[in-house]
PDB file of N, CA and C in Angstrom:
ATOM      1  N   MET A   1       0.370 -50.163  81.458  1.00  0.00           N
ATOM      2  CA  MET A   1       1.538 -49.312  81.593  1.00  0.00           C
ATOM      3  C   MET A   1       2.582 -49.622  80.518  1.00  0.00           C
ATOM      4  N   ALA A   2       2.249 -50.460  79.557  1.00  0.00           N
ATOM      5  CA  ALA A   2       3.197 -50.781  78.495  1.00  0.00           C
ATOM      6  C   ALA A   2       3.419 -49.580  77.577  1.00  0.00           C
ATOM      7  N   ILE A   3       2.436 -48.696  77.525  1.00  0.00           N
ATOM      8  CA  ILE A   3       2.566 -47.523  76.668  1.00  0.00           C
ATOM      9  C   ILE A   3       3.692 -46.626  77.169  1.00  0.00           C
ATOM     10  N   ARG A   4       3.777 -46.448  78.505  1.00  0.00           N
ATOM     11  CA  ARG A   4       4.811 -45.580  79.061  1.00  0.00           C
ATOM     12  C   ARG A   4       6.195 -46.128  78.754  1.00  0.00           C
ATOM     13  N   SER A   5       6.397 -47.418  78.939  1.00  0.00           N
ATOM     14  CA  SER A   5       7.713 -47.996  78.655  1.00  0.00           C
ATOM     15  C   SER A   5       8.038 -47.935  77.159  1.00  0.00           C
ATOM     16  N   LEU A   6       7.039 -48.059  76.309  1.00  0.00           N
ATOM     17  CA  LEU A   6       7.254 -47.944  74.876  1.00  0.00           C
ATOM     18  C   LEU A   6       7.703 -46.524  74.513  1.00  0.00           C
ATOM     19  N   ILE A   7       7.062 -45.523  75.113  1.00  0.00           N
ATOM     20  CA  ILE A   7       7.431 -44.133  74.828  1.00  0.00           C
ATOM     21  C   ILE A   7       8.837 -43.844  75.355  1.00  0.00           C
ATOM     22  N   VAL A   8       9.143 -44.291  76.567  1.00  0.00           N
ATOM     23  CA  VAL A   8      10.468 -44.053  77.141  1.00  0.00           C
ATOM     24  C   VAL A   8      11.536 -44.742  76.301  1.00  0.00           C
ATOM     25  N   GLY A   9      11.297 -45.960  75.867  1.00  0.00           N
ATOM     26  CA  GLY A   9      12.257 -46.678  75.032  1.00  0.00           C
ATOM     27  C   GLY A   9      12.468 -45.995  73.692  1.00  0.00           C
ATOM     28  N   THR A  10      11.377 -45.511  73.089  1.00  0.00           N
ATOM     29  CA  THR A  10      11.482 -44.826  71.805  1.00  0.00           C
ATOM     30  C   THR A  10      12.278 -43.526  71.937  1.00  0.00           C
ATOM     31  N   VAL A  11      12.017 -42.767  73.006  1.00  0.00           N
ATOM     32  CA  VAL A  11      12.751 -41.519  73.228  1.00  0.00           C
ATOM     33  C   VAL A  11      14.232 -41.822  73.465  1.00  0.00           C
ATOM     34  N   PHE A  12      14.531 -42.861  74.247  1.00  0.00           N
ATOM     35  CA  PHE A  12      15.922 -43.219  74.521  1.00  0.00           C
ATOM     36  C   PHE A  12      16.655 -43.591  73.232  1.00  0.00           C
ATOM     37  N   ILE A  13      16.024 -44.409  72.406  1.00  0.00           N
ATOM     38  CA  ILE A  13      16.644 -44.801  71.142  1.00  0.00           C
ATOM     39  C   ILE A  13      16.808 -43.580  70.232  1.00  0.00           C
ATOM     40  N   GLY A  14      15.826 -42.690  70.208  1.00  0.00           N
ATOM     41  CA  GLY A  14      15.932 -41.487  69.390  1.00  0.00           C
ATOM     42  C   GLY A  14      17.082 -40.593  69.816  1.00  0.00           C
ATOM     43  N   VAL A  15      17.258 -40.407  71.129  1.00  0.00           N
ATOM     44  CA  VAL A  15      18.368 -39.591  71.622  1.00  0.00           C
ATOM     45  C   VAL A  15      19.696 -40.259  71.295  1.00  0.00           C
ATOM     46  N   PHE A  16      19.778 -41.565  71.463  1.00  0.00           N
ATOM     47  CA  PHE A  16      21.003 -42.295  71.163  1.00  0.00           C
ATOM     48  C   PHE A  16      21.373 -42.151  69.686  1.00  0.00           C
ATOM     49  N   VAL A  17      20.404 -42.306  68.795  1.00  0.00           N
ATOM     50  CA  VAL A  17      20.653 -42.176  67.364  1.00  0.00           C
ATOM     51  C   VAL A  17      21.044 -40.738  67.022  1.00  0.00           C
ATOM     52  N   ALA A  18      20.421 -39.755  67.673  1.00  0.00           N
ATOM     53  CA  ALA A  18      20.763 -38.357  67.407  1.00  0.00           C
ATOM     54  C   ALA A  18      22.199 -38.060  67.814  1.00  0.00           C
ATOM     55  N   ILE A  19      22.660 -38.626  68.919  1.00  0.00           N
ATOM     56  CA  ILE A  19      24.048 -38.421  69.349  1.00  0.00           C
ATOM     57  C   ILE A  19      25.003 -39.037  68.337  1.00  0.00           C
ATOM     58  N   ILE A  20      24.719 -40.249  67.897  1.00  0.00           N
ATOM     59  CA  ILE A  20      25.579 -40.913  66.910  1.00  0.00           C
ATOM     60  C   ILE A  20      25.618 -40.113  65.612  1.00  0.00           C
ATOM     61  N   LEU A  21      24.478 -39.619  65.150  1.00  0.00           N
ATOM     62  CA  LEU A  21      24.444 -38.843  63.906  1.00  0.00           C
ATOM     63  C   LEU A  21      25.171 -37.513  64.058  1.00  0.00           C
ATOM     64  N   SER A  22      25.072 -36.886  65.220  1.00  0.00           N
ATOM     65  CA  SER A  22      25.757 -35.606  65.400  1.00  0.00           C
ATOM     66  C   SER A  22      27.269 -35.802  65.424  1.00  0.00           C
ATOM     67  N   ILE A  23      27.742 -36.930  65.940  1.00  0.00           N
ATOM     68  CA  ILE A  23      29.178 -37.220  65.915  1.00  0.00           C
ATOM     69  C   ILE A  23      29.632 -37.489  64.482  1.00  0.00           C
ATOM     70  N   ALA A  24      28.828 -38.191  63.713  1.00  0.00           N
ATOM     71  CA  ALA A  24      29.189 -38.528  62.344  1.00  0.00           C
ATOM     72  C   ALA A  24      29.040 -37.333  61.414  1.00  0.00           C
ATOM     73  N   TRP A  25      28.335 -36.285  61.842  1.00  0.00           N
ATOM     74  CA  TRP A  25      28.038 -35.140  60.992  1.00  0.00           C
ATOM     75  C   TRP A  25      29.196 -34.152  60.949  1.00  0.00           C
ATOM     76  N   ILE A  26      30.277 -34.360  61.697  1.00  0.00           N
ATOM     77  CA  ILE A  26      31.394 -33.420  61.750  1.00  0.00           C
ATOM     78  C   ILE A  26      31.946 -33.226  60.338  1.00  0.00           C
ATOM     79  N   ASP A  27      32.138 -31.974  59.963  1.00  0.00           N
ATOM     80  CA  ASP A  27      32.606 -31.648  58.611  1.00  0.00           C
ATOM     81  C   ASP A  27      34.088 -31.991  58.503  1.00  0.00           C
ATOM     82  N   LYS A  28      34.404 -32.934  57.648  1.00  0.00           N
ATOM     83  CA  LYS A  28      35.786 -33.388  57.497  1.00  0.00           C
ATOM     84  C   LYS A  28      36.616 -32.426  56.636  1.00  0.00           C
ATOM     85  N   SER A  29      35.974 -31.478  55.933  1.00  0.00           N
ATOM     86  CA  SER A  29      36.724 -30.585  55.070  1.00  0.00           C
ATOM     87  C   SER A  29      37.422 -29.484  55.858  1.00  0.00           C
ATOM     88  N   GLN A  30      36.985 -29.227  57.079  1.00  0.00           N
ATOM     89  CA  GLN A  30      37.628 -28.199  57.897  1.00  0.00           C
ATOM     90  C   GLN A  30      38.900 -28.758  58.512  1.00  0.00           C
ATOM     91  N   PRO A  31      39.939 -27.936  58.651  1.00  0.00           N
ATOM     92  CA  PRO A  31      41.160 -28.425  59.300  1.00  0.00           C
ATOM     93  C   PRO A  31      40.894 -28.725  60.774  1.00  0.00           C
ATOM     94  N   THR A  32      41.485 -29.806  61.244  1.00  0.00           N
ATOM     95  CA  THR A  32      41.256 -30.189  62.626  1.00  0.00           C
ATOM     96  C   THR A  32      42.101 -29.366  63.577  1.00  0.00           C
ATOM     97  N   HIS A  33      43.207 -28.798  63.098  1.00  0.00           N
ATOM     98  CA  HIS A  33      44.070 -27.984  63.955  1.00  0.00           C
ATOM     99  C   HIS A  33      44.320 -26.649  63.284  1.00  0.00           C
ATOM    100  N   GLU A  34      43.958 -25.598  63.965  1.00  0.00           N
ATOM    101  CA  GLU A  34      44.207 -24.264  63.450  1.00  0.00           C
ATOM    102  C   GLU A  34      45.271 -23.613  64.313  1.00  0.00           C
ATOM    103  N   PRO A  35      46.140 -22.796  63.705  1.00  0.00           N
ATOM    104  CA  PRO A  35      47.166 -22.135  64.511  1.00  0.00           C
ATOM    105  C   PRO A  35      46.533 -21.188  65.521  1.00  0.00           C
ATOM    106  N   ALA A  36      47.194 -21.010  66.630  1.00  0.00           N
ATOM    107  CA  ALA A  36      46.692 -20.121  67.666  1.00  0.00           C
ATOM    108  C   ALA A  36      46.640 -18.694  67.134  1.00  0.00           C
ATOM    109  N   PRO A  37      45.548 -17.965  67.379  1.00  0.00           N
ATOM    110  CA  PRO A  37      45.440 -16.625  66.808  1.00  0.00           C
ATOM    111  C   PRO A  37      46.442 -15.636  67.386  1.00  0.00           C
ATOM    112  N   LEU A  38      46.954 -15.881  68.600  1.00  0.00           N
ATOM    113  CA  LEU A  38      47.897 -14.961  69.223  1.00  0.00           C
ATOM    114  C   LEU A  38      49.339 -15.445  69.118  1.00  0.00           C
ATOM    115  N   ALA A  39      49.577 -16.421  68.267  1.00  0.00           N
ATOM    116  CA  ALA A  39      50.939 -16.929  68.109  1.00  0.00           C
ATOM    117  C   ALA A  39      51.804 -15.868  67.432  1.00  0.00           C
ATOM    118  N   PRO A  40      53.069 -15.738  67.837  1.00  0.00           N
ATOM    119  CA  PRO A  40      53.928 -14.736  67.191  1.00  0.00           C
ATOM    120  C   PRO A  40      54.184 -15.098  65.730  1.00  0.00           C
ATOM    121  N   ALA A  41      54.277 -14.074  64.924  1.00  0.00           N
ATOM    122  CA  ALA A  41      54.531 -14.279  63.502  1.00  0.00           C
ATOM    123  C   ALA A  41      55.966 -14.740  63.301  1.00  0.00           C
ATOM    124  N   PRO A  42      56.236 -15.515  62.266  1.00  0.00           N
ATOM    125  CA  PRO A  42      57.615 -15.935  62.008  1.00  0.00           C
ATOM    126  C   PRO A  42      58.502 -14.724  61.709  1.00  0.00           C
ATOM    127  N   GLU A  43      59.760 -14.847  62.083  1.00  0.00           N
ATOM    128  CA  GLU A  43      60.710 -13.742  61.872  1.00  0.00           C
ATOM    129  C   GLU A  43      60.927 -13.513  60.387  1.00  0.00           C
ATOM    130  N   ARG A  44      60.860 -12.234  59.973  1.00  0.00           N
ATOM    131  CA  ARG A  44      61.120 -11.870  58.581  1.00  0.00           C
ATOM    132  C   ARG A  44      62.114 -10.730  58.572  1.00  0.00           C
ATOM    133  N   PRO A  45      63.042 -10.729  57.655  1.00  0.00           N
ATOM    134  CA  PRO A  45      63.977  -9.595  57.591  1.00  0.00           C
ATOM    135  C   PRO A  45      63.247  -8.312  57.206  1.00  0.00           C
ATOM    136  N   ILE A  46      63.635  -7.211  57.815  1.00  0.00           N
ATOM    137  CA  ILE A  46      63.017  -5.929  57.524  1.00  0.00           C
ATOM    138  C   ILE A  46      63.599  -5.417  56.197  1.00  0.00           C
ATOM    139  N   PRO A  47      62.758  -5.099  55.214  1.00  0.00           N
ATOM    140  CA  PRO A  47      63.294  -4.638  53.931  1.00  0.00           C
ATOM    141  C   PRO A  47      63.927  -3.260  54.074  1.00  0.00           C
ATOM    142  N   ALA A  48      64.960  -3.011  53.271  1.00  0.00           N
ATOM    143  CA  ALA A  48      65.645  -1.715  53.287  1.00  0.00           C
ATOM    144  C   ALA A  48      64.727  -0.649  52.700  1.00  0.00           C
ATOM    145  N   PRO A  49      64.759   0.559  53.259  1.00  0.00           N
ATOM    146  CA  PRO A  49      63.904   1.610  52.706  1.00  0.00           C
ATOM    147  C   PRO A  49      64.370   2.018  51.308  1.00  0.00           C
ATOM    148  N   ASN A  50      63.405   2.368  50.479  1.00  0.00           N
ATOM    149  CA  ASN A  50      63.720   2.807  49.107  1.00  0.00           C
ATOM    150  C   ASN A  50      64.386   4.179  49.141  1.00  0.00           C
ATOM    151  N   GLN A  51      65.458   4.350  48.340  1.00  0.00           N
ATOM    152  CA  GLN A  51      66.166   5.640  48.316  1.00  0.00           C
ATOM    153  C   GLN A  51      66.013   6.311  46.984  1.00  0.00           C
TER     154      GLN A  51
END
């Protein structure tokens, strides 16, 4: 029954390594905080109409 424990141990280590690699794979070039898409726009003065 040593084969079964070897397979289970190998799968466990593989899943553990995959989790660590997926955490380390996060793209650092993307901004971590993006403004809310429904946030109100900043106040701007309304330009005078052209005459």
